[in-house]
Amino acid sequence: MGDFLQPWHLVVLGIVFIPCLLIVVLPFWQIFKKAGFPPALSLLMVVPFVSLIVIFVVAFSEWPALKKSAQGPGWIPPAS
């Protein structure tokens, strides 16, 4: 009963935790990079309440990628 944190528990935790971490961080890494924000911001997505704040800040702020390309939110690509 007292042998809760055995070394193999940590191995199993790592095997389960690392793929779950990648499933959360990698998509947000790409989203933040394409929006012009620092991609490392995606590491905050694993912190429970901080992730909600980051999502709201990104959703309601001006995207640097749109400023740089001079294409506003209502930009329509030219017809080809």
PDB file of N, CA and C in Angstrom:
ATOM      1  N   MET A   1       0.805  -1.192   0.000  1.00  0.00           N
ATOM      2  CA  MET A   1       0.000   0.000   0.000  1.00  0.00           C
ATOM      3  C   MET A   1       0.853   1.264   0.000  1.00  0.00           C
ATOM      4  N   GLY A   2       1.984   1.258   0.678  1.00  0.00           N
ATOM      5  CA  GLY A   2       2.819   2.438   0.780  1.00  0.00           C
ATOM      6  C   GLY A   2       3.766   2.608  -0.392  1.00  0.00           C
ATOM      7  N   ASP A   3       3.774   1.686  -1.349  1.00  0.00           N
ATOM      8  CA  ASP A   3       4.689   1.754  -2.484  1.00  0.00           C
ATOM      9  C   ASP A   3       3.984   2.330  -3.704  1.00  0.00           C
ATOM     10  N   PHE A   4       3.478   3.524  -3.570  1.00  0.00           N
ATOM     11  CA  PHE A   4       2.684   4.111  -4.651  1.00  0.00           C
ATOM     12  C   PHE A   4       3.554   4.590  -5.802  1.00  0.00           C
ATOM     13  N   LEU A   5       4.634   5.323  -5.524  1.00  0.00           N
ATOM     14  CA  LEU A   5       5.460   5.871  -6.589  1.00  0.00           C
ATOM     15  C   LEU A   5       6.681   4.994  -6.846  1.00  0.00           C
ATOM     16  N   GLN A   6       6.445   3.904  -7.460  1.00  0.00           N
ATOM     17  CA  GLN A   6       7.534   3.033  -7.893  1.00  0.00           C
ATOM     18  C   GLN A   6       8.081   3.567  -9.213  1.00  0.00           C
ATOM     19  N   PRO A   7       9.301   3.233  -9.575  1.00  0.00           N
ATOM     20  CA  PRO A   7       9.867   3.732 -10.837  1.00  0.00           C
ATOM     21  C   PRO A   7       9.023   3.361 -12.062  1.00  0.00           C
ATOM     22  N   TRP A   8       8.396   2.213 -12.073  1.00  0.00           N
ATOM     23  CA  TRP A   8       7.617   1.832 -13.248  1.00  0.00           C
ATOM     24  C   TRP A   8       6.346   2.659 -13.369  1.00  0.00           C
ATOM     25  N   HIS A   9       5.861   3.216 -12.243  1.00  0.00           N
ATOM     26  CA  HIS A   9       4.721   4.128 -12.317  1.00  0.00           C
ATOM     27  C   HIS A   9       5.086   5.381 -13.118  1.00  0.00           C
ATOM     28  N   LEU A  10       6.299   5.878 -12.888  1.00  0.00           N
ATOM     29  CA  LEU A  10       6.746   7.063 -13.610  1.00  0.00           C
ATOM     30  C   LEU A  10       6.931   6.773 -15.094  1.00  0.00           C
ATOM     31  N   VAL A  11       7.372   5.569 -15.426  1.00  0.00           N
ATOM     32  CA  VAL A  11       7.527   5.193 -16.832  1.00  0.00           C
ATOM     33  C   VAL A  11       6.161   5.147 -17.508  1.00  0.00           C
ATOM     34  N   VAL A  12       5.193   4.528 -16.862  1.00  0.00           N
ATOM     35  CA  VAL A  12       3.839   4.458 -17.429  1.00  0.00           C
ATOM     36  C   VAL A  12       3.249   5.851 -17.548  1.00  0.00           C
ATOM     37  N   LEU A  13       3.459   6.693 -16.548  1.00  0.00           N
ATOM     38  CA  LEU A  13       2.974   8.063 -16.598  1.00  0.00           C
ATOM     39  C   LEU A  13       3.591   8.819 -17.774  1.00  0.00           C
ATOM     40  N   GLY A  14       4.879   8.623 -18.017  1.00  0.00           N
ATOM     41  CA  GLY A  14       5.541   9.263 -19.144  1.00  0.00           C
ATOM     42  C   GLY A  14       5.023   8.762 -20.473  1.00  0.00           C
ATOM     43  N   ILE A  15       4.757   7.467 -20.568  1.00  0.00           N
ATOM     44  CA  ILE A  15       4.246   6.882 -21.811  1.00  0.00           C
ATOM     45  C   ILE A  15       2.848   7.425 -22.119  1.00  0.00           C
ATOM     46  N   VAL A  16       2.056   7.683 -21.105  1.00  0.00           N
ATOM     47  CA  VAL A  16       0.708   8.205 -21.309  1.00  0.00           C
ATOM     48  C   VAL A  16       0.721   9.722 -21.464  1.00  0.00           C
ATOM     49  N   PHE A  17       1.540  10.422 -20.682  1.00  0.00           N
ATOM     50  CA  PHE A  17       1.501  11.883 -20.627  1.00  0.00           C
ATOM     51  C   PHE A  17       2.109  12.536 -21.864  1.00  0.00           C
ATOM     52  N   ILE A  18       3.203  12.018 -22.367  1.00  0.00           N
ATOM     53  CA  ILE A  18       3.891  12.655 -23.497  1.00  0.00           C
ATOM     54  C   ILE A  18       3.033  12.660 -24.761  1.00  0.00           C
ATOM     55  N   PRO A  19       2.394  11.558 -25.166  1.00  0.00           N
ATOM     56  CA  PRO A  19       1.519  11.646 -26.345  1.00  0.00           C
ATOM     57  C   PRO A  19       0.334  12.591 -26.137  1.00  0.00           C
ATOM     58  N   CYS A  20      -0.231  12.606 -24.939  1.00  0.00           N
ATOM     59  CA  CYS A  20      -1.344  13.537 -24.665  1.00  0.00           C
ATOM     60  C   CYS A  20      -0.868  14.978 -24.755  1.00  0.00           C
ATOM     61  N   LEU A  21       0.322  15.243 -24.278  1.00  0.00           N
ATOM     62  CA  LEU A  21       0.904  16.575 -24.360  1.00  0.00           C
ATOM     63  C   LEU A  21       1.105  16.982 -25.817  1.00  0.00           C
ATOM     64  N   LEU A  22       1.584  16.069 -26.639  1.00  0.00           N
ATOM     65  CA  LEU A  22       1.791  16.368 -28.054  1.00  0.00           C
ATOM     66  C   LEU A  22       0.478  16.604 -28.786  1.00  0.00           C
ATOM     67  N   ILE A  23      -0.551  15.861 -28.413  1.00  0.00           N
ATOM     68  CA  ILE A  23      -1.865  16.026 -29.045  1.00  0.00           C
ATOM     69  C   ILE A  23      -2.430  17.416 -28.767  1.00  0.00           C
ATOM     70  N   VAL A  24      -2.114  17.981 -27.615  1.00  0.00           N
ATOM     71  CA  VAL A  24      -2.620  19.310 -27.270  1.00  0.00           C
ATOM     72  C   VAL A  24      -1.723  20.406 -27.838  1.00  0.00           C
ATOM     73  N   VAL A  25      -0.408  20.265 -27.721  1.00  0.00           N
ATOM     74  CA  VAL A  25       0.510  21.358 -28.042  1.00  0.00           C
ATOM     75  C   VAL A  25       0.733  21.520 -29.545  1.00  0.00           C
ATOM     76  N   LEU A  26       0.897  20.465 -30.288  1.00  0.00           N
ATOM     77  CA  LEU A  26       1.258  20.576 -31.710  1.00  0.00           C
ATOM     78  C   LEU A  26       0.235  21.330 -32.564  1.00  0.00           C
ATOM     79  N   PRO A  27      -1.064  21.071 -32.448  1.00  0.00           N
ATOM     80  CA  PRO A  27      -2.001  21.862 -33.261  1.00  0.00           C
ATOM     81  C   PRO A  27      -1.980  23.359 -32.920  1.00  0.00           C
ATOM     82  N   PHE A  28      -1.888  23.678 -31.639  1.00  0.00           N
ATOM     83  CA  PHE A  28      -1.845  25.092 -31.262  1.00  0.00           C
ATOM     84  C   PHE A  28      -0.529  25.734 -31.690  1.00  0.00           C
ATOM     85  N   TRP A  29       0.555  24.955 -31.750  1.00  0.00           N
ATOM     86  CA  TRP A  29       1.838  25.463 -32.243  1.00  0.00           C
ATOM     87  C   TRP A  29       1.664  25.971 -33.678  1.00  0.00           C
ATOM     88  N   GLN A  30       0.996  25.170 -34.512  1.00  0.00           N
ATOM     89  CA  GLN A  30       0.771  25.555 -35.905  1.00  0.00           C
ATOM     90  C   GLN A  30      -0.188  26.743 -36.014  1.00  0.00           C
ATOM     91  N   ILE A  31      -1.231  26.747 -35.212  1.00  0.00           N
ATOM     92  CA  ILE A  31      -2.205  27.840 -35.249  1.00  0.00           C
ATOM     93  C   ILE A  31      -1.535  29.158 -34.866  1.00  0.00           C
ATOM     94  N   PHE A  32      -0.767  29.161 -33.789  1.00  0.00           N
ATOM     95  CA  PHE A  32      -0.121  30.389 -33.341  1.00  0.00           C
ATOM     96  C   PHE A  32       0.929  30.847 -34.345  1.00  0.00           C
ATOM     97  N   LYS A  33       1.629  29.914 -34.968  1.00  0.00           N
ATOM     98  CA  LYS A  33       2.637  30.271 -35.951  1.00  0.00           C
ATOM     99  C   LYS A  33       1.999  30.906 -37.186  1.00  0.00           C
ATOM    100  N   LYS A  34       0.882  30.351 -37.658  1.00  0.00           N
ATOM    101  CA  LYS A  34       0.206  30.894 -38.833  1.00  0.00           C
ATOM    102  C   LYS A  34      -0.462  32.227 -38.538  1.00  0.00           C
ATOM    103  N   ALA A  35      -0.875  32.440 -37.294  1.00  0.00           N
ATOM    104  CA  ALA A  35      -1.508  33.706 -36.923  1.00  0.00           C
ATOM    105  C   ALA A  35      -0.484  34.797 -36.656  1.00  0.00           C
ATOM    106  N   GLY A  36       0.799  34.437 -36.570  1.00  0.00           N
ATOM    107  CA  GLY A  36       1.844  35.426 -36.346  1.00  0.00           C
ATOM    108  C   GLY A  36       2.235  35.596 -34.892  1.00  0.00           C
ATOM    109  N   PHE A  37       1.706  34.781 -34.016  1.00  0.00           N
ATOM    110  CA  PHE A  37       2.075  34.825 -32.608  1.00  0.00           C
ATOM    111  C   PHE A  37       3.265  33.906 -32.379  1.00  0.00           C
ATOM    112  N   PRO A  38       3.977  34.070 -31.269  1.00  0.00           N
ATOM    113  CA  PRO A  38       5.081  33.147 -30.984  1.00  0.00           C
ATOM    114  C   PRO A  38       4.542  31.726 -30.795  1.00  0.00           C
ATOM    115  N   PRO A  39       5.081  30.753 -31.522  1.00  0.00           N
ATOM    116  CA  PRO A  39       4.571  29.384 -31.396  1.00  0.00           C
ATOM    117  C   PRO A  39       4.737  28.793 -30.003  1.00  0.00           C
ATOM    118  N   ALA A  40       5.726  29.268 -29.254  1.00  0.00           N
ATOM    119  CA  ALA A  40       5.943  28.745 -27.906  1.00  0.00           C
ATOM    120  C   ALA A  40       4.775  29.069 -26.975  1.00  0.00           C
ATOM    121  N   LEU A  41       3.905  29.961 -27.406  1.00  0.00           N
ATOM    122  CA  LEU A  41       2.699  30.273 -26.639  1.00  0.00           C
ATOM    123  C   LEU A  41       1.827  29.027 -26.473  1.00  0.00           C
ATOM    124  N   SER A  42       1.979  28.077 -27.376  1.00  0.00           N
ATOM    125  CA  SER A  42       1.186  26.854 -27.310  1.00  0.00           C
ATOM    126  C   SER A  42       1.522  25.998 -26.094  1.00  0.00           C
ATOM    127  N   LEU A  43       2.674  26.204 -25.506  1.00  0.00           N
ATOM    128  CA  LEU A  43       3.030  25.449 -24.301  1.00  0.00           C
ATOM    129  C   LEU A  43       2.140  25.826 -23.126  1.00  0.00           C
ATOM    130  N   LEU A  44       1.548  27.006 -23.180  1.00  0.00           N
ATOM    131  CA  LEU A  44       0.629  27.415 -22.116  1.00  0.00           C
ATOM    132  C   LEU A  44      -0.705  26.683 -22.188  1.00  0.00           C
ATOM    133  N   MET A  45      -0.953  25.984 -23.279  1.00  0.00           N
ATOM    134  CA  MET A  45      -2.234  25.299 -23.443  1.00  0.00           C
ATOM    135  C   MET A  45      -2.385  24.095 -22.520  1.00  0.00           C
ATOM    136  N   VAL A  46      -1.326  23.663 -21.876  1.00  0.00           N
ATOM    137  CA  VAL A  46      -1.433  22.543 -20.942  1.00  0.00           C
ATOM    138  C   VAL A  46      -1.734  23.006 -19.521  1.00  0.00           C
ATOM    139  N   VAL A  47      -1.688  24.325 -19.292  1.00  0.00           N
ATOM    140  CA  VAL A  47      -2.027  24.872 -17.975  1.00  0.00           C
ATOM    141  C   VAL A  47      -3.527  25.164 -17.986  1.00  0.00           C
ATOM    142  N   PRO A  48      -4.303  24.555 -17.084  1.00  0.00           N
ATOM    143  CA  PRO A  48      -5.755  24.571 -17.200  1.00  0.00           C
ATOM    144  C   PRO A  48      -6.427  25.912 -17.437  1.00  0.00           C
ATOM    145  N   PHE A  49      -6.333  26.883 -16.552  1.00  0.00           N
ATOM    146  CA  PHE A  49      -7.088  28.117 -16.736  1.00  0.00           C
ATOM    147  C   PHE A  49      -6.342  29.128 -17.594  1.00  0.00           C
ATOM    148  N   VAL A  50      -5.033  28.991 -17.666  1.00  0.00           N
ATOM    149  CA  VAL A  50      -4.242  29.883 -18.514  1.00  0.00           C
ATOM    150  C   VAL A  50      -4.587  29.636 -19.980  1.00  0.00           C
ATOM    151  N   SER A  51      -4.908  28.398 -20.324  1.00  0.00           N
ATOM    152  CA  SER A  51      -5.240  28.089 -21.717  1.00  0.00           C
ATOM    153  C   SER A  51      -6.493  28.836 -22.170  1.00  0.00           C
ATOM    154  N   LEU A  52      -7.472  28.979 -21.295  1.00  0.00           N
ATOM    155  CA  LEU A  52      -8.671  29.739 -21.647  1.00  0.00           C
ATOM    156  C   LEU A  52      -8.358  31.212 -21.884  1.00  0.00           C
ATOM    157  N   ILE A  53      -7.487  31.759 -21.065  1.00  0.00           N
ATOM    158  CA  ILE A  53      -7.101  33.155 -21.224  1.00  0.00           C
ATOM    159  C   ILE A  53      -6.363  33.347 -22.536  1.00  0.00           C
ATOM    160  N   VAL A  54      -5.454  32.430 -22.859  1.00  0.00           N
ATOM    161  CA  VAL A  54      -4.685  32.532 -24.105  1.00  0.00           C
ATOM    162  C   VAL A  54      -5.614  32.450 -25.310  1.00  0.00           C
ATOM    163  N   ILE A  55      -6.585  31.559 -25.283  1.00  0.00           N
ATOM    164  CA  ILE A  55      -7.518  31.424 -26.401  1.00  0.00           C
ATOM    165  C   ILE A  55      -8.304  32.728 -26.599  1.00  0.00           C
ATOM    166  N   PHE A  56      -8.768  33.347 -25.520  1.00  0.00           N
ATOM    167  CA  PHE A  56      -9.512  34.596 -25.639  1.00  0.00           C
ATOM    168  C   PHE A  56      -8.627  35.736 -26.128  1.00  0.00           C
ATOM    169  N   VAL A  57      -7.388  35.806 -25.655  1.00  0.00           N
ATOM    170  CA  VAL A  57      -6.476  36.855 -26.102  1.00  0.00           C
ATOM    171  C   VAL A  57      -6.201  36.714 -27.591  1.00  0.00           C
ATOM    172  N   VAL A  58      -5.956  35.504 -28.051  1.00  0.00           N
ATOM    173  CA  VAL A  58      -5.677  35.285 -29.474  1.00  0.00           C
ATOM    174  C   VAL A  58      -6.923  35.539 -30.316  1.00  0.00           C
ATOM    175  N   ALA A  59      -8.073  35.154 -29.827  1.00  0.00           N
ATOM    176  CA  ALA A  59      -9.297  35.313 -30.608  1.00  0.00           C
ATOM    177  C   ALA A  59      -9.682  36.777 -30.804  1.00  0.00           C
ATOM    178  N   PHE A  60      -9.456  37.604 -29.806  1.00  0.00           N
ATOM    179  CA  PHE A  60      -9.929  38.982 -29.871  1.00  0.00           C
ATOM    180  C   PHE A  60      -8.828  40.013 -30.100  1.00  0.00           C
ATOM    181  N   SER A  61      -7.628  39.580 -30.429  1.00  0.00           N
ATOM    182  CA  SER A  61      -6.558  40.537 -30.703  1.00  0.00           C
ATOM    183  C   SER A  61      -6.288  40.611 -32.201  1.00  0.00           C
ATOM    184  N   GLU A  62      -5.547  41.639 -32.596  1.00  0.00           N
ATOM    185  CA  GLU A  62      -5.145  41.771 -33.995  1.00  0.00           C
ATOM    186  C   GLU A  62      -4.058  40.738 -34.267  1.00  0.00           C
ATOM    187  N   TRP A  63      -4.184  40.024 -35.372  1.00  0.00           N
ATOM    188  CA  TRP A  63      -3.204  39.003 -35.699  1.00  0.00           C
ATOM    189  C   TRP A  63      -2.040  39.636 -36.438  1.00  0.00           C
ATOM    190  N   PRO A  64      -0.830  39.448 -35.945  1.00  0.00           N
ATOM    191  CA  PRO A  64       0.334  40.025 -36.612  1.00  0.00           C
ATOM    192  C   PRO A  64       0.505  39.542 -38.050  1.00  0.00           C
ATOM    193  N   ALA A  65       0.097  38.337 -38.364  1.00  0.00           N
ATOM    194  CA  ALA A  65       0.240  37.824 -39.725  1.00  0.00           C
ATOM    195  C   ALA A  65      -0.645  38.596 -40.695  1.00  0.00           C
ATOM    196  N   LEU A  66      -1.817  39.026 -40.249  1.00  0.00           N
ATOM    197  CA  LEU A  66      -2.694  39.814 -41.113  1.00  0.00           C
ATOM    198  C   LEU A  66      -2.183  41.236 -41.290  1.00  0.00           C
ATOM    199  N   LYS A  67      -1.571  41.800 -40.252  1.00  0.00           N
ATOM    200  CA  LYS A  67      -0.998  43.136 -40.366  1.00  0.00           C
ATOM    201  C   LYS A  67       0.170  43.125 -41.348  1.00  0.00           C
ATOM    202  N   LYS A  68       0.997  42.097 -41.243  1.00  0.00           N
ATOM    203  CA  LYS A  68       2.198  42.016 -42.067  1.00  0.00           C
ATOM    204  C   LYS A  68       1.849  41.850 -43.539  1.00  0.00           C
ATOM    205  N   SER A  69       0.805  41.090 -43.829  1.00  0.00           N
ATOM    206  CA  SER A  69       0.440  40.850 -45.215  1.00  0.00           C
ATOM    207  C   SER A  69      -0.539  41.890 -45.738  1.00  0.00           C
ATOM    208  N   ALA A  70      -0.930  42.846 -44.910  1.00  0.00           N
ATOM    209  CA  ALA A  70      -1.873  43.914 -45.272  1.00  0.00           C
ATOM    210  C   ALA A  70      -3.210  43.357 -45.734  1.00  0.00           C
ATOM    211  N   GLN A  71      -3.581  42.223 -45.218  1.00  0.00           N
ATOM    212  CA  GLN A  71      -4.871  41.630 -45.527  1.00  0.00           C
ATOM    213  C   GLN A  71      -5.692  41.637 -44.252  1.00  0.00           C
ATOM    214  N   GLY A  72      -6.691  42.443 -44.222  1.00  0.00           N
ATOM    215  CA  GLY A  72      -7.521  42.539 -43.037  1.00  0.00           C
ATOM    216  C   GLY A  72      -8.434  41.338 -42.893  1.00  0.00           C
ATOM    217  N   PRO A  73      -9.216  41.304 -41.842  1.00  0.00           N
ATOM    218  CA  PRO A  73     -10.113  40.182 -41.615  1.00  0.00           C
ATOM    219  C   PRO A  73     -11.178  40.028 -42.698  1.00  0.00           C
ATOM    220  N   GLY A  74     -11.480  41.087 -43.421  1.00  0.00           N
ATOM    221  CA  GLY A  74     -12.484  40.986 -44.471  1.00  0.00           C
ATOM    222  C   GLY A  74     -11.891  40.795 -45.855  1.00  0.00           C
ATOM    223  N   TRP A  75     -10.618  40.430 -45.907  1.00  0.00           N
ATOM    224  CA  TRP A  75      -9.918  40.282 -47.180  1.00  0.00           C
ATOM    225  C   TRP A  75     -10.472  39.106 -47.960  1.00  0.00           C
ATOM    226  N   ILE A  76     -10.731  39.357 -49.257  1.00  0.00           N
ATOM    227  CA  ILE A  76     -11.220  38.308 -50.152  1.00  0.00           C
ATOM    228  C   ILE A  76     -10.157  38.105 -51.228  1.00  0.00           C
ATOM    229  N   PRO A  77      -9.728  36.877 -51.444  1.00  0.00           N
ATOM    230  CA  PRO A  77      -8.695  36.662 -52.463  1.00  0.00           C
ATOM    231  C   PRO A  77      -9.234  36.993 -53.858  1.00  0.00           C
ATOM    232  N   PRO A  78      -8.365  37.472 -54.743  1.00  0.00           N
ATOM    233  CA  PRO A  78      -8.822  37.813 -56.091  1.00  0.00           C
ATOM    234  C   PRO A  78      -9.274  36.579 -56.847  1.00  0.00           C
ATOM    235  N   ALA A  79     -10.291  36.769 -57.684  1.00  0.00           N
ATOM    236  CA  ALA A  79     -10.798  35.653 -58.479  1.00  0.00           C
ATOM    237  C   ALA A  79      -9.796  35.338 -59.593  1.00  0.00           C
ATOM    238  N   SER A  80      -9.589  34.070 -59.814  1.00  0.00           N
ATOM    239  CA  SER A  80      -8.627  33.700 -60.858  1.00  0.00           C
ATOM    240  C   SER A  80      -9.289  33.102 -62.063  1.00  0.00           C
TER     241      SER A  80
END
